[in-house]
Amino acid sequence: MANVSSRPLSPCIQICNIEPASSLCQGCGRTLDEIACWGSMTEAEKAPVWKRIEQEGYVVTLRQEMR
């Protein structure tokens, strides 16, 4: 898992399109609830979301780019 400091403030990549079948944003991989609450979530609350979207390939962290 990536170090918190190597992550951007948000996984949003300005490709905002919710996939009806999965209810996930095709750009960042978050649900509508995760997107809506992101600004008020603690780092501990964001951690499992980051882990999931990193594992699913939605976000590339600095550590992954350096490989």
PDB file of N, CA and C in Angstrom:
ATOM      1  N   MET A   1       0.850  -1.183   0.000  1.00  0.00           N
ATOM      2  CA  MET A   1       0.000   0.000   0.000  1.00  0.00           C
ATOM      3  C   MET A   1       0.889   1.238   0.000  1.00  0.00           C
ATOM      4  N   ALA A   2       0.437   2.263  -0.681  1.00  0.00           N
ATOM      5  CA  ALA A   2       1.220   3.480  -0.811  1.00  0.00           C
ATOM      6  C   ALA A   2       1.252   4.264   0.489  1.00  0.00           C
ATOM      7  N   ASN A   3       2.322   4.996   0.669  1.00  0.00           N
ATOM      8  CA  ASN A   3       2.449   5.904   1.791  1.00  0.00           C
ATOM      9  C   ASN A   3       1.476   7.055   1.587  1.00  0.00           C
ATOM     10  N   VAL A   4       0.813   7.467   2.654  1.00  0.00           N
ATOM     11  CA  VAL A   4      -0.175   8.541   2.567  1.00  0.00           C
ATOM     12  C   VAL A   4       0.432   9.790   1.936  1.00  0.00           C
ATOM     13  N   SER A   5       1.691  10.086   2.221  1.00  0.00           N
ATOM     14  CA  SER A   5       2.313  11.298   1.699  1.00  0.00           C
ATOM     15  C   SER A   5       2.553  11.226   0.192  1.00  0.00           C
ATOM     16  N   SER A   6       2.524  10.030  -0.409  1.00  0.00           N
ATOM     17  CA  SER A   6       2.734   9.922  -1.848  1.00  0.00           C
ATOM     18  C   SER A   6       1.426  10.011  -2.627  1.00  0.00           C
ATOM     19  N   ARG A   7       0.319  10.173  -1.925  1.00  0.00           N
ATOM     20  CA  ARG A   7      -0.986  10.248  -2.566  1.00  0.00           C
ATOM     21  C   ARG A   7      -1.388  11.696  -2.803  1.00  0.00           C
ATOM     22  N   PRO A   8      -2.165  11.929  -3.870  1.00  0.00           N
ATOM     23  CA  PRO A   8      -2.735  13.272  -4.050  1.00  0.00           C
ATOM     24  C   PRO A   8      -3.817  13.511  -2.996  1.00  0.00           C
ATOM     25  N   LEU A   9      -4.308  14.719  -2.897  1.00  0.00           N
ATOM     26  CA  LEU A   9      -5.368  15.019  -1.928  1.00  0.00           C
ATOM     27  C   LEU A   9      -6.650  14.268  -2.250  1.00  0.00           C
ATOM     28  N   SER A  10      -6.881  14.038  -3.525  1.00  0.00           N
ATOM     29  CA  SER A  10      -8.085  13.347  -3.973  1.00  0.00           C
ATOM     30  C   SER A  10      -7.728  12.441  -5.140  1.00  0.00           C
ATOM     31  N   PRO A  11      -8.414  11.317  -5.270  1.00  0.00           N
ATOM     32  CA  PRO A  11      -8.173  10.454  -6.425  1.00  0.00           C
ATOM     33  C   PRO A  11      -8.881  10.929  -7.696  1.00  0.00           C
ATOM     34  N   CYS A  12      -9.638  12.010  -7.618  1.00  0.00           N
ATOM     35  CA  CYS A  12     -10.388  12.517  -8.763  1.00  0.00           C
ATOM     36  C   CYS A  12      -9.440  12.875  -9.905  1.00  0.00           C
ATOM     37  N   ILE A  13      -9.788  12.402 -11.118  1.00  0.00           N
ATOM     38  CA  ILE A  13      -8.993  12.732 -12.303  1.00  0.00           C
ATOM     39  C   ILE A  13      -9.830  13.489 -13.331  1.00  0.00           C
ATOM     40  N   GLN A  14     -10.934  14.068 -12.879  1.00  0.00           N
ATOM     41  CA  GLN A  14     -11.814  14.896 -13.712  1.00  0.00           C
ATOM     42  C   GLN A  14     -12.470  14.105 -14.851  1.00  0.00           C
ATOM     43  N   ILE A  15     -12.630  12.802 -14.662  1.00  0.00           N
ATOM     44  CA  ILE A  15     -13.411  11.968 -15.575  1.00  0.00           C
ATOM     45  C   ILE A  15     -14.544  11.416 -14.722  1.00  0.00           C
ATOM     46  N   CYS A  16     -15.613  12.177 -14.635  1.00  0.00           N
ATOM     47  CA  CYS A  16     -16.688  11.870 -13.697  1.00  0.00           C
ATOM     48  C   CYS A  16     -17.863  11.239 -14.429  1.00  0.00           C
ATOM     49  N   ASN A  17     -17.942   9.926 -14.347  1.00  0.00           N
ATOM     50  CA  ASN A  17     -19.007   9.192 -15.006  1.00  0.00           C
ATOM     51  C   ASN A  17     -19.292   7.949 -14.174  1.00  0.00           C
ATOM     52  N   ILE A  18     -20.470   7.889 -13.577  1.00  0.00           N
ATOM     53  CA  ILE A  18     -20.832   6.760 -12.727  1.00  0.00           C
ATOM     54  C   ILE A  18     -21.320   5.603 -13.593  1.00  0.00           C
ATOM     55  N   GLU A  19     -20.679   4.463 -13.455  1.00  0.00           N
ATOM     56  CA  GLU A  19     -21.050   3.244 -14.174  1.00  0.00           C
ATOM     57  C   GLU A  19     -22.275   2.643 -13.494  1.00  0.00           C
ATOM     58  N   PRO A  20     -23.405   2.548 -14.200  1.00  0.00           N
ATOM     59  CA  PRO A  20     -24.637   2.050 -13.579  1.00  0.00           C
ATOM     60  C   PRO A  20     -24.517   0.648 -12.977  1.00  0.00           C
ATOM     61  N   ALA A  21     -23.829  -0.242 -13.643  1.00  0.00           N
ATOM     62  CA  ALA A  21     -23.738  -1.629 -13.169  1.00  0.00           C
ATOM     63  C   ALA A  21     -22.986  -1.753 -11.852  1.00  0.00           C
ATOM     64  N   SER A  22     -21.922  -0.970 -11.689  1.00  0.00           N
ATOM     65  CA  SER A  22     -21.083  -1.081 -10.490  1.00  0.00           C
ATOM     66  C   SER A  22     -21.312   0.045  -9.491  1.00  0.00           C
ATOM     67  N   SER A  23     -21.962   1.127  -9.913  1.00  0.00           N
ATOM     68  CA  SER A  23     -22.152   2.345  -9.107  1.00  0.00           C
ATOM     69  C   SER A  23     -20.831   3.001  -8.729  1.00  0.00           C
ATOM     70  N   LEU A  24     -19.795   2.780  -9.541  1.00  0.00           N
ATOM     71  CA  LEU A  24     -18.490   3.381  -9.302  1.00  0.00           C
ATOM     72  C   LEU A  24     -18.188   4.407 -10.389  1.00  0.00           C
ATOM     73  N   CYS A  25     -17.467   5.447 -10.008  1.00  0.00           N
ATOM     74  CA  CYS A  25     -17.007   6.430 -10.972  1.00  0.00           C
ATOM     75  C   CYS A  25     -15.965   5.764 -11.870  1.00  0.00           C
ATOM     76  N   GLN A  26     -16.123   5.921 -13.174  1.00  0.00           N
ATOM     77  CA  GLN A  26     -15.174   5.319 -14.107  1.00  0.00           C
ATOM     78  C   GLN A  26     -13.817   6.003 -14.064  1.00  0.00           C
ATOM     79  N   GLY A  27     -13.773   7.225 -13.566  1.00  0.00           N
ATOM     80  CA  GLY A  27     -12.509   7.946 -13.482  1.00  0.00           C
ATOM     81  C   GLY A  27     -11.690   7.589 -12.260  1.00  0.00           C
ATOM     82  N   CYS A  28     -12.320   7.621 -11.082  1.00  0.00           N
ATOM     83  CA  CYS A  28     -11.555   7.435  -9.843  1.00  0.00           C
ATOM     84  C   CYS A  28     -11.881   6.157  -9.084  1.00  0.00           C
ATOM     85  N   GLY A  29     -12.986   5.500  -9.427  1.00  0.00           N
ATOM     86  CA  GLY A  29     -13.323   4.248  -8.774  1.00  0.00           C
ATOM     87  C   GLY A  29     -14.088   4.369  -7.474  1.00  0.00           C
ATOM     88  N   ARG A  30     -14.445   5.598  -7.096  1.00  0.00           N
ATOM     89  CA  ARG A  30     -15.188   5.775  -5.848  1.00  0.00           C
ATOM     90  C   ARG A  30     -16.687   5.706  -6.085  1.00  0.00           C
ATOM     91  N   THR A  31     -17.427   5.399  -5.018  1.00  0.00           N
ATOM     92  CA  THR A  31     -18.880   5.437  -5.073  1.00  0.00           C
ATOM     93  C   THR A  31     -19.338   6.886  -4.924  1.00  0.00           C
ATOM     94  N   LEU A  32     -20.605   7.139  -5.222  1.00  0.00           N
ATOM     95  CA  LEU A  32     -21.143   8.488  -5.031  1.00  0.00           C
ATOM     96  C   LEU A  32     -21.029   8.930  -3.574  1.00  0.00           C
ATOM     97  N   ASP A  33     -21.294   8.030  -2.635  1.00  0.00           N
ATOM     98  CA  ASP A  33     -21.174   8.374  -1.210  1.00  0.00           C
ATOM     99  C   ASP A  33     -19.734   8.730  -0.861  1.00  0.00           C
ATOM    100  N   GLU A  34     -18.773   7.976  -1.379  1.00  0.00           N
ATOM    101  CA  GLU A  34     -17.367   8.270  -1.094  1.00  0.00           C
ATOM    102  C   GLU A  34     -16.975   9.619  -1.676  1.00  0.00           C
ATOM    103  N   ILE A  35     -17.442   9.906  -2.877  1.00  0.00           N
ATOM    104  CA  ILE A  35     -17.149  11.198  -3.507  1.00  0.00           C
ATOM    105  C   ILE A  35     -17.762  12.335  -2.694  1.00  0.00           C
ATOM    106  N   ALA A  36     -19.017  12.177  -2.308  1.00  0.00           N
ATOM    107  CA  ALA A  36     -19.727  13.227  -1.570  1.00  0.00           C
ATOM    108  C   ALA A  36     -19.105  13.505  -0.205  1.00  0.00           C
ATOM    109  N   CYS A  37     -18.606  12.478   0.459  1.00  0.00           N
ATOM    110  CA  CYS A  37     -18.079  12.620   1.821  1.00  0.00           C
ATOM    111  C   CYS A  37     -16.573  12.853   1.876  1.00  0.00           C
ATOM    112  N   TRP A  38     -15.883  12.752   0.756  1.00  0.00           N
ATOM    113  CA  TRP A  38     -14.419  12.768   0.737  1.00  0.00           C
ATOM    114  C   TRP A  38     -13.819  13.939   1.515  1.00  0.00           C
ATOM    115  N   GLY A  39     -14.336  15.118   1.317  1.00  0.00           N
ATOM    116  CA  GLY A  39     -13.777  16.308   1.958  1.00  0.00           C
ATOM    117  C   GLY A  39     -13.874  16.313   3.473  1.00  0.00           C
ATOM    118  N   SER A  40     -14.815  15.584   4.023  1.00  0.00           N
ATOM    119  CA  SER A  40     -14.980  15.545   5.471  1.00  0.00           C
ATOM    120  C   SER A  40     -14.482  14.237   6.102  1.00  0.00           C
ATOM    121  N   MET A  41     -13.977  13.333   5.271  1.00  0.00           N
ATOM    122  CA  MET A  41     -13.479  12.056   5.795  1.00  0.00           C
ATOM    123  C   MET A  41     -12.107  12.235   6.423  1.00  0.00           C
ATOM    124  N   THR A  42     -11.846  11.456   7.473  1.00  0.00           N
ATOM    125  CA  THR A  42     -10.521  11.448   8.082  1.00  0.00           C
ATOM    126  C   THR A  42      -9.601  10.574   7.231  1.00  0.00           C
ATOM    127  N   GLU A  43      -8.303  10.680   7.459  1.00  0.00           N
ATOM    128  CA  GLU A  43      -7.350   9.834   6.733  1.00  0.00           C
ATOM    129  C   GLU A  43      -7.640   8.360   7.012  1.00  0.00           C
ATOM    130  N   ALA A  44      -8.055   8.045   8.242  1.00  0.00           N
ATOM    131  CA  ALA A  44      -8.384   6.655   8.591  1.00  0.00           C
ATOM    132  C   ALA A  44      -9.601   6.169   7.808  1.00  0.00           C
ATOM    133  N   GLU A  45     -10.559   7.050   7.554  1.00  0.00           N
ATOM    134  CA  GLU A  45     -11.732   6.682   6.775  1.00  0.00           C
ATOM    135  C   GLU A  45     -11.402   6.559   5.285  1.00  0.00           C
ATOM    136  N   LYS A  46     -10.468   7.380   4.819  1.00  0.00           N
ATOM    137  CA  LYS A  46     -10.062   7.337   3.416  1.00  0.00           C
ATOM    138  C   LYS A  46      -9.181   6.121   3.112  1.00  0.00           C
ATOM    139  N   ALA A  47      -8.454   5.628   4.094  1.00  0.00           N
ATOM    140  CA  ALA A  47      -7.471   4.559   3.871  1.00  0.00           C
ATOM    141  C   ALA A  47      -8.042   3.335   3.151  1.00  0.00           C
ATOM    142  N   PRO A  48      -9.189   2.772   3.577  1.00  0.00           N
ATOM    143  CA  PRO A  48      -9.688   1.599   2.857  1.00  0.00           C
ATOM    144  C   PRO A  48     -10.158   1.921   1.438  1.00  0.00           C
ATOM    145  N   VAL A  49     -10.609   3.155   1.219  1.00  0.00           N
ATOM    146  CA  VAL A  49     -11.015   3.560  -0.126  1.00  0.00           C
ATOM    147  C   VAL A  49      -9.780   3.634  -1.015  1.00  0.00           C
ATOM    148  N   TRP A  50      -8.719   4.292  -0.514  1.00  0.00           N
ATOM    149  CA  TRP A  50      -7.463   4.361  -1.261  1.00  0.00           C
ATOM    150  C   TRP A  50      -6.950   2.963  -1.577  1.00  0.00           C
ATOM    151  N   LYS A  51      -6.968   2.086  -0.587  1.00  0.00           N
ATOM    152  CA  LYS A  51      -6.454   0.725  -0.784  1.00  0.00           C
ATOM    153  C   LYS A  51      -7.224   0.027  -1.907  1.00  0.00           C
ATOM    154  N   ARG A  52      -8.557   0.123  -1.867  1.00  0.00           N
ATOM    155  CA  ARG A  52      -9.380  -0.529  -2.880  1.00  0.00           C
ATOM    156  C   ARG A  52      -9.129   0.037  -4.270  1.00  0.00           C
ATOM    157  N   ILE A  53      -9.130   1.364  -4.398  1.00  0.00           N
ATOM    158  CA  ILE A  53      -8.971   1.935  -5.734  1.00  0.00           C
ATOM    159  C   ILE A  53      -7.555   1.743  -6.275  1.00  0.00           C
ATOM    160  N   GLU A  54      -6.560   1.688  -5.384  1.00  0.00           N
ATOM    161  CA  GLU A  54      -5.197   1.377  -5.823  1.00  0.00           C
ATOM    162  C   GLU A  54      -5.120  -0.061  -6.320  1.00  0.00           C
ATOM    163  N   GLN A  55      -5.711  -0.990  -5.572  1.00  0.00           N
ATOM    164  CA  GLN A  55      -5.697  -2.399  -5.960  1.00  0.00           C
ATOM    165  C   GLN A  55      -6.448  -2.626  -7.262  1.00  0.00           C
ATOM    166  N   GLU A  56      -7.495  -1.851  -7.493  1.00  0.00           N
ATOM    167  CA  GLU A  56      -8.299  -2.002  -8.703  1.00  0.00           C
ATOM    168  C   GLU A  56      -7.728  -1.221  -9.886  1.00  0.00           C
ATOM    169  N   GLY A  57      -6.619  -0.498  -9.665  1.00  0.00           N
ATOM    170  CA  GLY A  57      -5.932   0.190 -10.747  1.00  0.00           C
ATOM    171  C   GLY A  57      -6.501   1.538 -11.146  1.00  0.00           C
ATOM    172  N   TYR A  58      -7.340   2.114 -10.306  1.00  0.00           N
ATOM    173  CA  TYR A  58      -7.913   3.422 -10.635  1.00  0.00           C
ATOM    174  C   TYR A  58      -6.940   4.567 -10.415  1.00  0.00           C
ATOM    175  N   VAL A  59      -6.038   4.412  -9.491  1.00  0.00           N
ATOM    176  CA  VAL A  59      -5.134   5.511  -9.158  1.00  0.00           C
ATOM    177  C   VAL A  59      -3.702   4.989  -9.168  1.00  0.00           C
ATOM    178  N   VAL A  60      -2.804   5.802  -9.697  1.00  0.00           N
ATOM    179  CA  VAL A  60      -1.389   5.462  -9.705  1.00  0.00           C
ATOM    180  C   VAL A  60      -0.706   6.403  -8.735  1.00  0.00           C
ATOM    181  N   THR A  61      -0.078   5.840  -7.727  1.00  0.00           N
ATOM    182  CA  THR A  61       0.607   6.656  -6.730  1.00  0.00           C
ATOM    183  C   THR A  61       2.036   6.935  -7.187  1.00  0.00           C
ATOM    184  N   LEU A  62       2.677   7.872  -6.533  1.00  0.00           N
ATOM    185  CA  LEU A  62       4.058   8.183  -6.865  1.00  0.00           C
ATOM    186  C   LEU A  62       4.942   6.960  -6.713  1.00  0.00           C
ATOM    187  N   ARG A  63       4.715   6.162  -5.710  1.00  0.00           N
ATOM    188  CA  ARG A  63       5.513   4.966  -5.493  1.00  0.00           C
ATOM    189  C   ARG A  63       5.357   4.012  -6.679  1.00  0.00           C
ATOM    190  N   GLN A  64       4.128   3.831  -7.164  1.00  0.00           N
ATOM    191  CA  GLN A  64       3.910   2.952  -8.304  1.00  0.00           C
ATOM    192  C   GLN A  64       4.570   3.504  -9.561  1.00  0.00           C
ATOM    193  N   GLU A  65       4.582   4.812  -9.736  1.00  0.00           N
ATOM    194  CA  GLU A  65       5.189   5.429 -10.902  1.00  0.00           C
ATOM    195  C   GLU A  65       6.701   5.249 -10.904  1.00  0.00           C
ATOM    196  N   MET A  66       7.317   5.140  -9.720  1.00  0.00           N
ATOM    197  CA  MET A  66       8.761   5.044  -9.598  1.00  0.00           C
ATOM    198  C   MET A  66       9.276   3.624  -9.852  1.00  0.00           C
ATOM    199  N   ARG A  67       8.393   2.651  -9.957  1.00  0.00           N
ATOM    200  CA  ARG A  67       8.821   1.264 -10.195  1.00  0.00           C
ATOM    201  C   ARG A  67       9.332   1.075 -11.593  1.00  0.00           C
TER     202      ARG A  67
END
